[in-house]
């Protein structure tokens, strides 16, 4: 199966049985960006950019701030 990167248009070669029924992240080797991919029976049904990392980083900063002050904000 071949899938085009949604950022740079590079064609990703996913000719392996692992990707026949797959839900997860895929990295483009041309632009190094990550996208979420969902396939079933060797057909790509959805692909979209991953924006989770920004949210997790902000959440970690908030938790660190509260945990260093004894659990109290401020």
PDB file of N, CA and C in Angstrom:
ATOM      1  N   UNK A   1       0.852  -1.171   0.000  1.00  0.00           N
ATOM      2  CA  UNK A   1       0.000   0.000   0.000  1.00  0.00           C
ATOM      3  C   UNK A   1       0.896   1.231   0.000  1.00  0.00           C
ATOM      4  N   UNK A   2       0.532   2.215  -0.743  1.00  0.00           N
ATOM      5  CA  UNK A   2       1.269   3.469  -0.821  1.00  0.00           C
ATOM      6  C   UNK A   2       0.367   4.593  -0.326  1.00  0.00           C
ATOM      7  N   UNK A   3       0.925   5.449   0.528  1.00  0.00           N
ATOM      8  CA  UNK A   3       0.187   6.564   1.119  1.00  0.00           C
ATOM      9  C   UNK A   3       1.018   7.817   0.935  1.00  0.00           C
ATOM     10  N   UNK A   4       0.385   8.912   0.546  1.00  0.00           N
ATOM     11  CA  UNK A   4       1.094  10.186   0.400  1.00  0.00           C
ATOM     12  C   UNK A   4       1.078  10.935   1.722  1.00  0.00           C
ATOM     13  N   UNK A   5       2.218  11.554   2.044  1.00  0.00           N
ATOM     14  CA  UNK A   5       2.321  12.388   3.234  1.00  0.00           C
ATOM     15  C   UNK A   5       1.407  13.605   3.060  1.00  0.00           C
ATOM     16  N   UNK A   6       0.676  13.941   4.101  1.00  0.00           N
ATOM     17  CA  UNK A   6      -0.251  15.077   4.004  1.00  0.00           C
ATOM     18  C   UNK A   6       0.472  16.419   4.104  1.00  0.00           C
ATOM     19  N   UNK A   7       1.751  16.398   4.481  1.00  0.00           N
ATOM     20  CA  UNK A   7       2.515  17.638   4.611  1.00  0.00           C
ATOM     21  C   UNK A   7       3.327  17.953   3.361  1.00  0.00           C
ATOM     22  N   UNK A   8       4.093  16.957   2.873  1.00  0.00           N
ATOM     23  CA  UNK A   8       5.010  17.241   1.762  1.00  0.00           C
ATOM     24  C   UNK A   8       4.649  16.492   0.477  1.00  0.00           C
ATOM     25  N   UNK A   9       3.723  15.534   0.545  1.00  0.00           N
ATOM     26  CA  UNK A   9       3.307  14.805  -0.638  1.00  0.00           C
ATOM     27  C   UNK A   9       4.197  13.622  -0.991  1.00  0.00           C
ATOM     28  N   UNK A  10       5.212  13.353  -0.179  1.00  0.00           N
ATOM     29  CA  UNK A  10       6.100  12.211  -0.420  1.00  0.00           C
ATOM     30  C   UNK A  10       5.308  10.912  -0.301  1.00  0.00           C
ATOM     31  N   UNK A  11       5.582   9.973  -1.167  1.00  0.00           N
ATOM     32  CA  UNK A  11       4.861   8.700  -1.158  1.00  0.00           C
ATOM     33  C   UNK A  11       5.526   7.727  -0.192  1.00  0.00           C
ATOM     34  N   UNK A  12       4.762   7.271   0.796  1.00  0.00           N
ATOM     35  CA  UNK A  12       5.260   6.319   1.786  1.00  0.00           C
ATOM     36  C   UNK A  12       4.914   4.910   1.333  1.00  0.00           C
ATOM     37  N   UNK A  13       5.886   4.032   1.355  1.00  0.00           N
ATOM     38  CA  UNK A  13       5.678   2.642   0.967  1.00  0.00           C
ATOM     39  C   UNK A  13       5.362   1.840   2.226  1.00  0.00           C
ATOM     40  N   UNK A  14       4.126   1.417   2.371  1.00  0.00           N
ATOM     41  CA  UNK A  14       3.691   0.646   3.530  1.00  0.00           C
ATOM     42  C   UNK A  14       3.311  -0.775   3.106  1.00  0.00           C
ATOM     43  N   UNK A  15       4.130  -1.370   2.249  1.00  0.00           N
ATOM     44  CA  UNK A  15       3.870  -2.727   1.768  1.00  0.00           C
ATOM     45  C   UNK A  15       4.374  -3.758   2.767  1.00  0.00           C
ATOM     46  N   UNK A  16       3.675  -3.859   3.871  1.00  0.00           N
ATOM     47  CA  UNK A  16       3.982  -4.867   4.879  1.00  0.00           C
ATOM     48  C   UNK A  16       2.657  -5.290   5.504  1.00  0.00           C
ATOM     49  N   UNK A  17       2.560  -6.559   5.895  1.00  0.00           N
ATOM     50  CA  UNK A  17       1.290  -7.066   6.423  1.00  0.00           C
ATOM     51  C   UNK A  17       0.852  -6.356   7.702  1.00  0.00           C
ATOM     52  N   UNK A  18       1.779  -5.718   8.411  1.00  0.00           N
ATOM     53  CA  UNK A  18       1.429  -4.981   9.627  1.00  0.00           C
ATOM     54  C   UNK A  18       0.467  -3.841   9.322  1.00  0.00           C
ATOM     55  N   UNK A  19       0.607  -3.232   8.159  1.00  0.00           N
ATOM     56  CA  UNK A  19      -0.203  -2.069   7.809  1.00  0.00           C
ATOM     57  C   UNK A  19      -1.526  -2.415   7.135  1.00  0.00           C
ATOM     58  N   UNK A  20      -1.846  -3.685   6.969  1.00  0.00           N
ATOM     59  CA  UNK A  20      -3.129  -4.059   6.363  1.00  0.00           C
ATOM     60  C   UNK A  20      -4.305  -3.640   7.243  1.00  0.00           C
ATOM     61  N   UNK A  21      -4.210  -3.842   8.535  1.00  0.00           N
ATOM     62  CA  UNK A  21      -5.216  -3.411   9.512  1.00  0.00           C
ATOM     63  C   UNK A  21      -4.462  -2.678  10.614  1.00  0.00           C
ATOM     64  N   UNK A  22      -4.336  -1.366  10.460  1.00  0.00           N
ATOM     65  CA  UNK A  22      -3.454  -0.591  11.323  1.00  0.00           C
ATOM     66  C   UNK A  22      -4.124   0.705  11.751  1.00  0.00           C
ATOM     67  N   UNK A  23      -3.938   1.044  13.007  1.00  0.00           N
ATOM     68  CA  UNK A  23      -4.333   2.352  13.521  1.00  0.00           C
ATOM     69  C   UNK A  23      -3.186   2.845  14.377  1.00  0.00           C
ATOM     70  N   UNK A  24      -2.583   3.945  13.974  1.00  0.00           N
ATOM     71  CA  UNK A  24      -1.461   4.469  14.729  1.00  0.00           C
ATOM     72  C   UNK A  24      -0.720   5.543  13.962  1.00  0.00           C
ATOM     73  N   UNK A  25       0.450   5.875  14.471  1.00  0.00           N
ATOM     74  CA  UNK A  25       1.218   6.954  13.870  1.00  0.00           C
ATOM     75  C   UNK A  25       2.201   6.424  12.839  1.00  0.00           C
ATOM     76  N   UNK A  26       2.477   7.271  11.848  1.00  0.00           N
ATOM     77  CA  UNK A  26       3.425   6.971  10.780  1.00  0.00           C
ATOM     78  C   UNK A  26       4.276   8.215  10.584  1.00  0.00           C
ATOM     79  N   UNK A  27       5.587   8.014  10.427  1.00  0.00           N
ATOM     80  CA  UNK A  27       6.504   9.131  10.224  1.00  0.00           C
ATOM     81  C   UNK A  27       6.930   9.185   8.770  1.00  0.00           C
ATOM     82  N   UNK A  28       6.876  10.362   8.189  1.00  0.00           N
ATOM     83  CA  UNK A  28       7.356  10.566   6.830  1.00  0.00           C
ATOM     84  C   UNK A  28       8.877  10.684   6.877  1.00  0.00           C
ATOM     85  N   UNK A  29       9.570   9.888   6.069  1.00  0.00           N
ATOM     86  CA  UNK A  29      11.024   9.918   6.068  1.00  0.00           C
ATOM     87  C   UNK A  29      11.585  11.079   5.249  1.00  0.00           C
ATOM     88  N   UNK A  30      10.736  11.779   4.535  1.00  0.00           N
ATOM     89  CA  UNK A  30      11.182  12.924   3.752  1.00  0.00           C
ATOM     90  C   UNK A  30      11.176  14.207   4.585  1.00  0.00           C
ATOM     91  N   UNK A  31      10.041  14.496   5.248  1.00  0.00           N
ATOM     92  CA  UNK A  31       9.931  15.737   6.023  1.00  0.00           C
ATOM     93  C   UNK A  31       9.970  15.501   7.540  1.00  0.00           C
ATOM     94  N   UNK A  32      10.003  14.248   7.978  1.00  0.00           N
ATOM     95  CA  UNK A  32      10.101  13.854   9.396  1.00  0.00           C
ATOM     96  C   UNK A  32       8.901  14.257  10.235  1.00  0.00           C
ATOM     97  N   UNK A  33       7.764  14.495   9.615  1.00  0.00           N
ATOM     98  CA  UNK A  33       6.568  14.849  10.373  1.00  0.00           C
ATOM     99  C   UNK A  33       5.727  13.612  10.602  1.00  0.00           C
ATOM    100  N   UNK A  34       4.932  13.645  11.663  1.00  0.00           N
ATOM    101  CA  UNK A  34       4.116  12.497  12.053  1.00  0.00           C
ATOM    102  C   UNK A  34       2.663  12.727  11.656  1.00  0.00           C
ATOM    103  N   UNK A  35       2.023  11.645  11.264  1.00  0.00           N
ATOM    104  CA  UNK A  35       0.593  11.697  10.981  1.00  0.00           C
ATOM    105  C   UNK A  35      -0.056  10.427  11.507  1.00  0.00           C
ATOM    106  N   UNK A  36      -1.306  10.537  11.832  1.00  0.00           N
ATOM    107  CA  UNK A  36      -2.098   9.408  12.313  1.00  0.00           C
ATOM    108  C   UNK A  36      -2.728   8.738  11.106  1.00  0.00           C
ATOM    109  N   UNK A  37      -2.662   7.410  11.075  1.00  0.00           N
ATOM    110  CA  UNK A  37      -3.155   6.650   9.929  1.00  0.00           C
ATOM    111  C   UNK A  37      -4.074   5.543  10.402  1.00  0.00           C
ATOM    112  N   UNK A  38      -5.159   5.329   9.684  1.00  0.00           N
ATOM    113  CA  UNK A  38      -6.080   4.226   9.964  1.00  0.00           C
ATOM    114  C   UNK A  38      -6.318   3.465   8.671  1.00  0.00           C
ATOM    115  N   UNK A  39      -6.005   2.162   8.684  1.00  0.00           N
ATOM    116  CA  UNK A  39      -6.211   1.319   7.513  1.00  0.00           C
ATOM    117  C   UNK A  39      -7.036   0.095   7.896  1.00  0.00           C
ATOM    118  N   UNK A  40      -7.695  -0.474   6.915  1.00  0.00           N
ATOM    119  CA  UNK A  40      -8.433  -1.728   7.082  1.00  0.00           C
ATOM    120  C   UNK A  40      -8.398  -2.461   5.751  1.00  0.00           C
ATOM    121  N   UNK A  41      -8.018  -3.715   5.807  1.00  0.00           N
ATOM    122  CA  UNK A  41      -7.917  -4.568   4.614  1.00  0.00           C
ATOM    123  C   UNK A  41      -7.009  -3.965   3.547  1.00  0.00           C
ATOM    124  N   UNK A  42      -5.967  -3.283   3.961  1.00  0.00           N
ATOM    125  CA  UNK A  42      -5.008  -2.721   3.016  1.00  0.00           C
ATOM    126  C   UNK A  42      -5.426  -1.429   2.366  1.00  0.00           C
ATOM    127  N   UNK A  43      -6.486  -0.789   2.859  1.00  0.00           N
ATOM    128  CA  UNK A  43      -6.972   0.476   2.300  1.00  0.00           C
ATOM    129  C   UNK A  43      -6.904   1.550   3.385  1.00  0.00           C
ATOM    130  N   UNK A  44      -6.302   2.692   3.066  1.00  0.00           N
ATOM    131  CA  UNK A  44      -6.212   3.809   4.014  1.00  0.00           C
ATOM    132  C   UNK A  44      -7.561   4.516   4.095  1.00  0.00           C
ATOM    133  N   UNK A  45      -8.120   4.573   5.307  1.00  0.00           N
ATOM    134  CA  UNK A  45      -9.416   5.215   5.495  1.00  0.00           C
ATOM    135  C   UNK A  45      -9.292   6.642   6.005  1.00  0.00           C
ATOM    136  N   UNK A  46      -8.313   6.904   6.825  1.00  0.00           N
ATOM    137  CA  UNK A  46      -8.140   8.278   7.301  1.00  0.00           C
ATOM    138  C   UNK A  46      -6.685   8.529   7.635  1.00  0.00           C
ATOM    139  N   UNK A  47      -6.291   9.771   7.428  1.00  0.00           N
ATOM    140  CA  UNK A  47      -4.962  10.221   7.834  1.00  0.00           C
ATOM    141  C   UNK A  47      -5.071  11.692   8.190  1.00  0.00           C
ATOM    142  N   UNK A  48      -4.443  12.058   9.287  1.00  0.00           N
ATOM    143  CA  UNK A  48      -4.491  13.436   9.735  1.00  0.00           C
ATOM    144  C   UNK A  48      -3.255  13.737  10.575  1.00  0.00           C
ATOM    145  N   UNK A  49      -2.887  15.006  10.700  1.00  0.00           N
ATOM    146  CA  UNK A  49      -1.684  15.358  11.468  1.00  0.00           C
ATOM    147  C   UNK A  49      -1.871  15.081  12.948  1.00  0.00           C
ATOM    148  N   UNK A  50      -0.790  14.767  13.615  1.00  0.00           N
ATOM    149  CA  UNK A  50      -0.830  14.538  15.058  1.00  0.00           C
ATOM    150  C   UNK A  50      -0.589  15.867  15.753  1.00  0.00           C
ATOM    151  N   UNK A  51      -1.518  16.265  16.611  1.00  0.00           N
ATOM    152  CA  UNK A  51      -1.382  17.506  17.374  1.00  0.00           C
ATOM    153  C   UNK A  51      -1.432  17.214  18.869  1.00  0.00           C
ATOM    154  N   UNK A  52      -1.241  15.984  19.263  1.00  0.00           N
ATOM    155  CA  UNK A  52      -1.349  15.577  20.659  1.00  0.00           C
ATOM    156  C   UNK A  52      -0.157  16.047  21.475  1.00  0.00           C
ATOM    157  N   UNK A  53       1.027  16.101  20.878  1.00  0.00           N
ATOM    158  CA  UNK A  53       2.234  16.416  21.618  1.00  0.00           C
ATOM    159  C   UNK A  53       2.167  17.777  22.291  1.00  0.00           C
ATOM    160  N   UNK A  54       1.606  18.762  21.653  1.00  0.00           N
ATOM    161  CA  UNK A  54       1.495  20.099  22.234  1.00  0.00           C
ATOM    162  C   UNK A  54       0.628  20.067  23.480  1.00  0.00           C
ATOM    163  N   UNK A  55      -0.491  19.360  23.449  1.00  0.00           N
ATOM    164  CA  UNK A  55      -1.396  19.272  24.588  1.00  0.00           C
ATOM    165  C   UNK A  55      -0.737  18.556  25.754  1.00  0.00           C
ATOM    166  N   UNK A  56      -0.045  17.445  25.496  1.00  0.00           N
ATOM    167  CA  UNK A  56       0.605  16.702  26.567  1.00  0.00           C
ATOM    168  C   UNK A  56       1.706  17.533  27.223  1.00  0.00           C
ATOM    169  N   UNK A  57       2.451  18.287  26.434  1.00  0.00           N
ATOM    170  CA  UNK A  57       3.525  19.100  26.990  1.00  0.00           C
ATOM    171  C   UNK A  57       2.953  20.175  27.903  1.00  0.00           C
ATOM    172  N   UNK A  58       1.874  20.840  27.490  1.00  0.00           N
ATOM    173  CA  UNK A  58       1.262  21.873  28.316  1.00  0.00           C
ATOM    174  C   UNK A  58       0.701  21.283  29.597  1.00  0.00           C
ATOM    175  N   UNK A  59       0.102  20.104  29.522  1.00  0.00           N
ATOM    176  CA  UNK A  59      -0.441  19.451  30.700  1.00  0.00           C
ATOM    177  C   UNK A  59       0.682  19.109  31.673  1.00  0.00           C
ATOM    178  N   UNK A  60       1.811  18.640  31.174  1.00  0.00           N
ATOM    179  CA  UNK A  60       2.950  18.304  32.027  1.00  0.00           C
ATOM    180  C   UNK A  60       3.477  19.544  32.734  1.00  0.00           C
ATOM    181  N   UNK A  61       3.497  20.684  32.054  1.00  0.00           N
ATOM    182  CA  UNK A  61       3.961  21.918  32.685  1.00  0.00           C
ATOM    183  C   UNK A  61       3.030  22.344  33.811  1.00  0.00           C
ATOM    184  N   UNK A  62       1.730  22.194  33.627  1.00  0.00           N
ATOM    185  CA  UNK A  62       0.763  22.553  34.658  1.00  0.00           C
ATOM    186  C   UNK A  62       0.905  21.628  35.859  1.00  0.00           C
ATOM    187  N   UNK A  63       1.022  20.320  35.615  1.00  0.00           N
ATOM    188  CA  UNK A  63       1.156  19.371  36.713  1.00  0.00           C
ATOM    189  C   UNK A  63       2.446  19.594  37.486  1.00  0.00           C
ATOM    190  N   UNK A  64       3.514  19.918  36.816  1.00  0.00           N
ATOM    191  CA  UNK A  64       4.783  20.174  37.482  1.00  0.00           C
ATOM    192  C   UNK A  64       4.682  21.408  38.368  1.00  0.00           C
ATOM    193  N   UNK A  65       4.013  22.421  37.892  1.00  0.00           N
ATOM    194  CA  UNK A  65       3.867  23.649  38.670  1.00  0.00           C
ATOM    195  C   UNK A  65       3.112  23.379  39.969  1.00  0.00           C
ATOM    196  N   UNK A  66       2.020  22.620  39.902  1.00  0.00           N
ATOM    197  CA  UNK A  66       1.237  22.343  41.086  1.00  0.00           C
ATOM    198  C   UNK A  66       1.963  21.378  42.024  1.00  0.00           C
ATOM    199  N   UNK A  67       2.686  20.430  41.489  1.00  0.00           N
ATOM    200  CA  UNK A  67       3.325  19.434  42.345  1.00  0.00           C
ATOM    201  C   UNK A  67       4.510  20.010  43.109  1.00  0.00           C
ATOM    202  N   UNK A  68       5.158  21.050  42.605  1.00  0.00           N
ATOM    203  CA  UNK A  68       6.307  21.634  43.314  1.00  0.00           C
ATOM    204  C   UNK A  68       5.869  22.585  44.410  1.00  0.00           C
ATOM    205  N   UNK A  69       4.620  23.017  44.401  1.00  0.00           N
ATOM    206  CA  UNK A  69       4.148  23.935  45.433  1.00  0.00           C
ATOM    207  C   UNK A  69       3.295  23.222  46.479  1.00  0.00           C
ATOM    208  N   UNK A  70       3.440  21.926  46.597  1.00  0.00           N
ATOM    209  CA  UNK A  70       2.674  21.190  47.599  1.00  0.00           C
ATOM    210  C   UNK A  70       1.234  20.938  47.197  1.00  0.00           C
ATOM    211  N   UNK A  71       0.906  21.021  45.940  1.00  0.00           N
ATOM    212  CA  UNK A  71      -0.449  20.753  45.474  1.00  0.00           C
ATOM    213  C   UNK A  71      -1.336  21.973  45.452  1.00  0.00           C
ATOM    214  N   UNK A  72      -0.816  23.119  45.888  1.00  0.00           N
ATOM    215  CA  UNK A  72      -1.612  24.340  45.901  1.00  0.00           C
ATOM    216  C   UNK A  72      -1.205  25.231  44.735  1.00  0.00           C
ATOM    217  N   UNK A  73      -2.171  25.797  44.019  1.00  0.00           N
ATOM    218  CA  UNK A  73      -1.819  26.696  42.917  1.00  0.00           C
ATOM    219  C   UNK A  73      -1.172  27.967  43.436  1.00  0.00           C
ATOM    220  N   UNK A  74      -0.251  28.490  42.627  1.00  0.00           N
ATOM    221  CA  UNK A  74       0.331  29.768  42.949  1.00  0.00           C
ATOM    222  C   UNK A  74       1.631  29.640  43.531  1.00  0.00           C
TER     223      UNK A  74
END
